[in-house]
Amino acid sequence: MLHQKQNCAPQFALIVVDFEPAETEGVAFEVAEGLTVEYEPADELPHFFAAAAAGIEEHLSLPEHGVVAAARVVLRQARADTFGSSRPAFRIAGYLAARAALARTVRAESCETQL
């Protein structure tokens, strides 16, 4: 999911995440083993990843969805920009990724019901 906002205070975050069903309720977020991201200062990256996880969990826990989240989410790729990347940008990217995944799930279930 790409979140990019261009204005006098630009925002940039790019994440690729896999959503899988989980056996237990909640959202289990993990970073793929060996994931590397070119970004300085590198010590900020774990905070960006945590923000993406928070955005995912935030969207999946909205009561209007009427679902109980039971998902394993794996961060496969990420890209950050030294000028526009921030924790809020990654939170928004996570939120948007969860929204897209939930929309795909709802469409898939709708197709199965019609068959």
N, C-alpha and C. Protein backbone atom coordinates (compact mmCIF):
# COMPACT_ATOMS: atom_id res chain seq x y z
N MET A 1 0.84 -1.15 0.00
CA MET A 1 0.00 0.00 0.00
C MET A 1 0.90 1.23 0.00
N LEU A 2 0.62 2.13 -0.87
CA LEU A 2 1.38 3.37 -0.96
C LEU A 2 0.55 4.50 -0.39
N HIS A 3 1.12 5.21 0.55
CA HIS A 3 0.51 6.45 1.04
C HIS A 3 1.47 7.57 0.70
N GLN A 4 1.02 8.47 -0.15
CA GLN A 4 1.86 9.59 -0.56
C GLN A 4 1.00 10.83 -0.65
N LYS A 5 1.36 11.83 0.10
CA LYS A 5 0.64 13.10 0.11
C LYS A 5 1.66 14.18 -0.19
N GLN A 6 1.39 14.94 -1.22
CA GLN A 6 2.36 15.97 -1.60
C GLN A 6 1.76 17.35 -1.35
N ASN A 7 2.37 18.06 -0.48
CA ASN A 7 2.06 19.46 -0.19
C ASN A 7 3.26 20.03 0.54
N CYS A 8 3.08 21.09 1.29
CA CYS A 8 4.22 21.68 1.99
C CYS A 8 4.74 20.78 3.12
N ALA A 9 3.94 19.80 3.54
CA ALA A 9 4.38 18.82 4.54
C ALA A 9 4.12 17.43 3.96
N PRO A 10 4.98 16.95 3.05
CA PRO A 10 4.71 15.69 2.36
C PRO A 10 4.78 14.49 3.30
N GLN A 11 4.05 13.45 2.90
CA GLN A 11 4.07 12.18 3.63
C GLN A 11 4.34 11.07 2.63
N PHE A 12 5.14 10.09 3.06
CA PHE A 12 5.43 8.96 2.19
C PHE A 12 5.64 7.71 3.02
N ALA A 13 4.95 6.64 2.63
CA ALA A 13 5.16 5.32 3.21
C ALA A 13 4.72 4.29 2.19
N LEU A 14 5.52 3.28 1.99
CA LEU A 14 5.17 2.19 1.10
C LEU A 14 5.37 0.90 1.88
N ILE A 15 4.30 0.11 1.97
CA ILE A 15 4.39 -1.19 2.64
C ILE A 15 3.71 -2.25 1.77
N VAL A 16 4.24 -3.44 1.83
CA VAL A 16 3.63 -4.61 1.21
C VAL A 16 3.43 -5.61 2.35
N VAL A 17 2.17 -5.96 2.58
CA VAL A 17 1.85 -6.86 3.68
C VAL A 17 0.99 -8.01 3.17
N ASP A 18 1.17 -9.15 3.80
CA ASP A 18 0.32 -10.33 3.56
C ASP A 18 -0.61 -10.49 4.74
N PHE A 19 -1.87 -10.70 4.46
CA PHE A 19 -2.87 -10.98 5.50
C PHE A 19 -3.25 -12.45 5.39
N GLU A 20 -3.22 -13.13 6.50
CA GLU A 20 -3.60 -14.54 6.55
C GLU A 20 -4.56 -14.73 7.72
N PRO A 21 -5.48 -15.70 7.60
CA PRO A 21 -6.34 -15.99 8.75
C PRO A 21 -5.50 -16.52 9.91
N ALA A 22 -5.93 -16.20 11.10
CA ALA A 22 -5.26 -16.71 12.30
C ALA A 22 -6.26 -17.53 13.11
N GLU A 23 -5.75 -18.41 13.94
CA GLU A 23 -6.63 -19.25 14.74
C GLU A 23 -7.15 -18.54 15.97
N THR A 24 -6.45 -17.51 16.41
CA THR A 24 -6.88 -16.79 17.59
C THR A 24 -7.29 -15.36 17.22
N GLU A 25 -8.16 -14.82 18.02
CA GLU A 25 -8.67 -13.48 17.79
C GLU A 25 -7.58 -12.43 17.98
N GLY A 26 -7.64 -11.39 17.17
CA GLY A 26 -6.68 -10.31 17.26
C GLY A 26 -5.84 -10.22 16.01
N VAL A 27 -4.90 -9.30 16.03
CA VAL A 27 -4.01 -9.09 14.90
C VAL A 27 -2.58 -9.36 15.37
N ALA A 28 -1.95 -10.33 14.73
CA ALA A 28 -0.55 -10.65 15.03
C ALA A 28 0.27 -10.08 13.88
N PHE A 29 1.11 -9.09 14.18
CA PHE A 29 1.91 -8.41 13.17
C PHE A 29 3.35 -8.83 13.33
N GLU A 30 3.98 -9.14 12.21
CA GLU A 30 5.40 -9.47 12.25
C GLU A 30 6.10 -8.93 11.01
N VAL A 31 7.37 -8.73 11.16
CA VAL A 31 8.22 -8.26 10.06
C VAL A 31 8.91 -9.49 9.49
N ALA A 32 8.86 -9.63 8.17
CA ALA A 32 9.48 -10.78 7.52
C ALA A 32 10.97 -10.83 7.85
N GLU A 33 11.44 -12.04 8.05
CA GLU A 33 12.85 -12.24 8.35
C GLU A 33 13.70 -11.76 7.18
N GLY A 34 14.72 -11.01 7.48
CA GLY A 34 15.63 -10.53 6.46
C GLY A 34 15.18 -9.27 5.73
N LEU A 35 14.07 -8.66 6.16
CA LEU A 35 13.61 -7.44 5.52
C LEU A 35 14.62 -6.32 5.74
N THR A 36 15.04 -5.71 4.66
CA THR A 36 15.97 -4.58 4.76
C THR A 36 15.33 -3.37 4.08
N VAL A 37 15.54 -2.23 4.67
CA VAL A 37 15.03 -0.97 4.14
C VAL A 37 16.16 0.04 4.21
N GLU A 38 16.43 0.68 3.10
CA GLU A 38 17.46 1.71 3.08
C GLU A 38 16.84 3.01 3.58
N TYR A 39 17.20 3.38 4.79
CA TYR A 39 16.66 4.59 5.40
C TYR A 39 17.58 4.99 6.54
N GLU A 40 17.83 6.26 6.65
CA GLU A 40 18.62 6.80 7.76
C GLU A 40 17.81 7.88 8.45
N PRO A 41 17.70 7.84 9.74
CA PRO A 41 18.36 6.94 10.69
C PRO A 41 17.61 5.61 10.80
N ALA A 42 18.34 4.52 10.68
CA ALA A 42 17.77 3.18 10.68
C ALA A 42 17.02 2.85 11.97
N ASP A 43 17.40 3.49 13.09
CA ASP A 43 16.72 3.18 14.35
C ASP A 43 15.28 3.68 14.37
N GLU A 44 14.87 4.44 13.38
CA GLU A 44 13.48 4.91 13.28
C GLU A 44 12.57 3.86 12.64
N LEU A 45 13.15 2.93 11.88
CA LEU A 45 12.35 1.94 11.16
C LEU A 45 11.45 1.10 12.04
N PRO A 46 11.90 0.58 13.18
CA PRO A 46 10.98 -0.19 14.02
C PRO A 46 9.76 0.63 14.45
N HIS A 47 9.94 1.93 14.63
CA HIS A 47 8.82 2.78 15.00
C HIS A 47 7.86 2.93 13.82
N PHE A 48 8.40 3.02 12.61
CA PHE A 48 7.55 3.07 11.41
C PHE A 48 6.75 1.78 11.28
N PHE A 49 7.40 0.64 11.50
CA PHE A 49 6.71 -0.64 11.38
C PHE A 49 5.63 -0.78 12.45
N ALA A 50 5.92 -0.34 13.66
CA ALA A 50 4.92 -0.38 14.73
C ALA A 50 3.74 0.51 14.39
N ALA A 51 4.00 1.65 13.76
CA ALA A 51 2.92 2.55 13.37
C ALA A 51 2.05 1.90 12.30
N ALA A 52 2.67 1.19 11.34
CA ALA A 52 1.90 0.48 10.32
C ALA A 52 1.02 -0.58 10.98
N ALA A 53 1.57 -1.31 11.94
CA ALA A 53 0.80 -2.32 12.67
C ALA A 53 -0.37 -1.68 13.41
N ALA A 54 -0.15 -0.52 14.02
CA ALA A 54 -1.23 0.17 14.73
C ALA A 54 -2.33 0.60 13.77
N GLY A 55 -1.95 1.07 12.59
CA GLY A 55 -2.95 1.46 11.60
C GLY A 55 -3.78 0.28 11.13
N ILE A 56 -3.13 -0.86 10.94
CA ILE A 56 -3.84 -2.08 10.53
C ILE A 56 -4.82 -2.49 11.62
N GLU A 57 -4.34 -2.55 12.83
CA GLU A 57 -5.21 -2.96 13.94
C GLU A 57 -6.36 -1.97 14.14
N GLU A 58 -6.06 -0.69 13.99
CA GLU A 58 -7.09 0.34 14.14
C GLU A 58 -8.23 0.11 13.15
N HIS A 59 -7.88 -0.12 11.90
CA HIS A 59 -8.95 -0.30 10.90
C HIS A 59 -9.71 -1.61 11.12
N LEU A 60 -9.00 -2.68 11.40
CA LEU A 60 -9.67 -3.97 11.56
C LEU A 60 -10.54 -4.04 12.81
N SER A 61 -10.32 -3.13 13.77
CA SER A 61 -11.12 -3.17 14.99
C SER A 61 -12.29 -2.19 14.98
N LEU A 62 -12.52 -1.51 13.85
CA LEU A 62 -13.66 -0.59 13.77
C LEU A 62 -14.96 -1.38 13.92
N PRO A 63 -15.86 -0.94 14.82
CA PRO A 63 -17.08 -1.70 15.06
C PRO A 63 -18.02 -1.76 13.86
N GLU A 64 -17.97 -0.79 12.97
CA GLU A 64 -18.90 -0.79 11.83
C GLU A 64 -18.65 -1.92 10.85
N HIS A 65 -17.49 -2.58 10.93
CA HIS A 65 -17.23 -3.71 10.04
C HIS A 65 -18.05 -4.93 10.46
N GLY A 66 -18.35 -5.02 11.72
CA GLY A 66 -19.11 -6.16 12.20
C GLY A 66 -18.34 -7.47 12.15
N VAL A 67 -17.02 -7.39 12.17
CA VAL A 67 -16.20 -8.60 12.16
C VAL A 67 -15.26 -8.59 13.36
N VAL A 68 -14.86 -9.77 13.73
CA VAL A 68 -13.84 -9.92 14.76
C VAL A 68 -12.57 -10.32 14.04
N ALA A 69 -11.55 -9.51 14.17
CA ALA A 69 -10.30 -9.76 13.46
C ALA A 69 -9.56 -10.94 14.07
N ALA A 70 -9.14 -11.81 13.19
CA ALA A 70 -8.26 -12.92 13.56
C ALA A 70 -7.29 -13.06 12.39
N ALA A 71 -6.25 -12.24 12.43
CA ALA A 71 -5.36 -12.17 11.27
C ALA A 71 -3.90 -12.19 11.68
N ARG A 72 -3.13 -12.81 10.83
CA ARG A 72 -1.67 -12.75 10.92
C ARG A 72 -1.24 -11.86 9.77
N VAL A 73 -0.49 -10.82 10.07
CA VAL A 73 -0.07 -9.85 9.06
C VAL A 73 1.45 -9.84 9.03
N VAL A 74 2.00 -10.05 7.84
CA VAL A 74 3.46 -10.09 7.68
C VAL A 74 3.88 -8.95 6.77
N LEU A 75 4.74 -8.10 7.29
CA LEU A 75 5.32 -7.01 6.51
C LEU A 75 6.41 -7.60 5.63
N ARG A 76 6.18 -7.59 4.31
CA ARG A 76 7.12 -8.21 3.37
C ARG A 76 8.11 -7.21 2.79
N GLN A 77 7.63 -5.98 2.52
CA GLN A 77 8.49 -4.94 1.95
C GLN A 77 8.09 -3.60 2.54
N ALA A 78 9.04 -2.71 2.58
CA ALA A 78 8.77 -1.34 3.03
C ALA A 78 9.74 -0.40 2.36
N ARG A 79 9.29 0.80 2.16
CA ARG A 79 10.17 1.83 1.62
C ARG A 79 9.87 3.12 2.36
N ALA A 80 10.90 3.83 2.71
CA ALA A 80 10.77 5.09 3.42
C ALA A 80 11.62 6.14 2.71
N ASP A 81 11.19 7.38 2.83
CA ASP A 81 11.88 8.51 2.22
C ASP A 81 12.33 9.43 3.35
N THR A 82 13.56 9.90 3.27
CA THR A 82 14.09 10.73 4.36
C THR A 82 13.34 12.05 4.51
N PHE A 83 12.69 12.50 3.47
CA PHE A 83 12.00 13.78 3.56
C PHE A 83 10.54 13.64 3.99
N GLY A 84 9.84 12.60 3.55
CA GLY A 84 8.41 12.54 3.81
C GLY A 84 7.93 11.43 4.70
N SER A 85 8.80 10.50 5.10
CA SER A 85 8.34 9.38 5.91
C SER A 85 8.30 9.74 7.38
N SER A 86 7.28 9.20 8.04
CA SER A 86 7.07 9.48 9.45
C SER A 86 6.19 8.38 10.03
N ARG A 87 6.07 8.37 11.33
CA ARG A 87 5.18 7.41 11.98
C ARG A 87 3.74 7.59 11.52
N PRO A 88 3.22 8.84 11.48
CA PRO A 88 1.84 9.00 10.99
C PRO A 88 1.66 8.52 9.54
N ALA A 89 2.64 8.72 8.69
CA ALA A 89 2.53 8.26 7.31
C ALA A 89 2.43 6.73 7.26
N PHE A 90 3.21 6.05 8.08
CA PHE A 90 3.14 4.58 8.12
C PHE A 90 1.87 4.09 8.77
N ARG A 91 1.35 4.82 9.75
CA ARG A 91 0.06 4.44 10.35
C ARG A 91 -1.04 4.52 9.30
N ILE A 92 -1.04 5.57 8.50
CA ILE A 92 -2.04 5.72 7.46
C ILE A 92 -1.88 4.61 6.41
N ALA A 93 -0.65 4.28 6.03
CA ALA A 93 -0.43 3.20 5.06
C ALA A 93 -0.96 1.88 5.61
N GLY A 94 -0.75 1.61 6.89
CA GLY A 94 -1.28 0.40 7.50
C GLY A 94 -2.79 0.38 7.50
N TYR A 95 -3.39 1.51 7.83
CA TYR A 95 -4.84 1.65 7.85
C TYR A 95 -5.40 1.37 6.45
N LEU A 96 -4.78 1.97 5.43
CA LEU A 96 -5.24 1.77 4.05
C LEU A 96 -5.05 0.33 3.59
N ALA A 97 -3.96 -0.30 4.00
CA ALA A 97 -3.73 -1.71 3.64
C ALA A 97 -4.80 -2.61 4.24
N ALA A 98 -5.16 -2.35 5.50
CA ALA A 98 -6.20 -3.14 6.15
C ALA A 98 -7.54 -2.92 5.46
N ARG A 99 -7.82 -1.68 5.09
CA ARG A 99 -9.08 -1.38 4.41
C ARG A 99 -9.14 -2.13 3.08
N ALA A 100 -8.05 -2.14 2.33
CA ALA A 100 -8.02 -2.85 1.05
C ALA A 100 -8.19 -4.36 1.26
N ALA A 101 -7.52 -4.91 2.26
CA ALA A 101 -7.62 -6.35 2.53
C ALA A 101 -9.03 -6.72 2.95
N LEU A 102 -9.65 -5.91 3.78
CA LEU A 102 -11.02 -6.19 4.22
C LEU A 102 -11.99 -6.10 3.05
N ALA A 103 -11.80 -5.13 2.17
CA ALA A 103 -12.66 -5.00 1.00
C ALA A 103 -12.53 -6.22 0.09
N ARG A 104 -11.32 -6.72 -0.08
CA ARG A 104 -11.12 -7.92 -0.90
C ARG A 104 -11.78 -9.14 -0.26
N THR A 105 -11.71 -9.23 1.05
CA THR A 105 -12.33 -10.34 1.76
C THR A 105 -13.84 -10.31 1.60
N VAL A 106 -14.42 -9.13 1.75
CA VAL A 106 -15.87 -8.99 1.62
C VAL A 106 -16.30 -9.34 0.19
N ARG A 107 -15.56 -8.88 -0.83
CA ARG A 107 -15.90 -9.20 -2.21
C ARG A 107 -15.79 -10.70 -2.46
N ALA A 108 -14.76 -11.33 -1.92
CA ALA A 108 -14.59 -12.77 -2.12
C ALA A 108 -15.71 -13.55 -1.46
N GLU A 109 -16.10 -13.14 -0.27
CA GLU A 109 -17.21 -13.82 0.42
C GLU A 109 -18.52 -13.61 -0.33
N SER A 110 -18.71 -12.44 -0.89
CA SER A 110 -19.90 -12.15 -1.67
C SER A 110 -19.98 -13.04 -2.90
N CYS A 111 -18.86 -13.24 -3.57
CA CYS A 111 -18.82 -14.11 -4.74
C CYS A 111 -19.11 -15.54 -4.36
N GLU A 112 -18.58 -16.01 -3.25
CA GLU A 112 -18.82 -17.38 -2.80
C GLU A 112 -20.28 -17.58 -2.46
N THR A 113 -20.93 -16.58 -1.86
CA THR A 113 -22.33 -16.67 -1.50
C THR A 113 -23.20 -16.76 -2.75
N GLN A 114 -22.83 -16.06 -3.80
CA GLN A 114 -23.61 -16.07 -5.04
C GLN A 114 -23.51 -17.39 -5.78
N LEU A 115 -22.44 -18.14 -5.55
CA LEU A 115 -22.27 -19.44 -6.24
C LEU A 115 -23.17 -20.41 -5.60
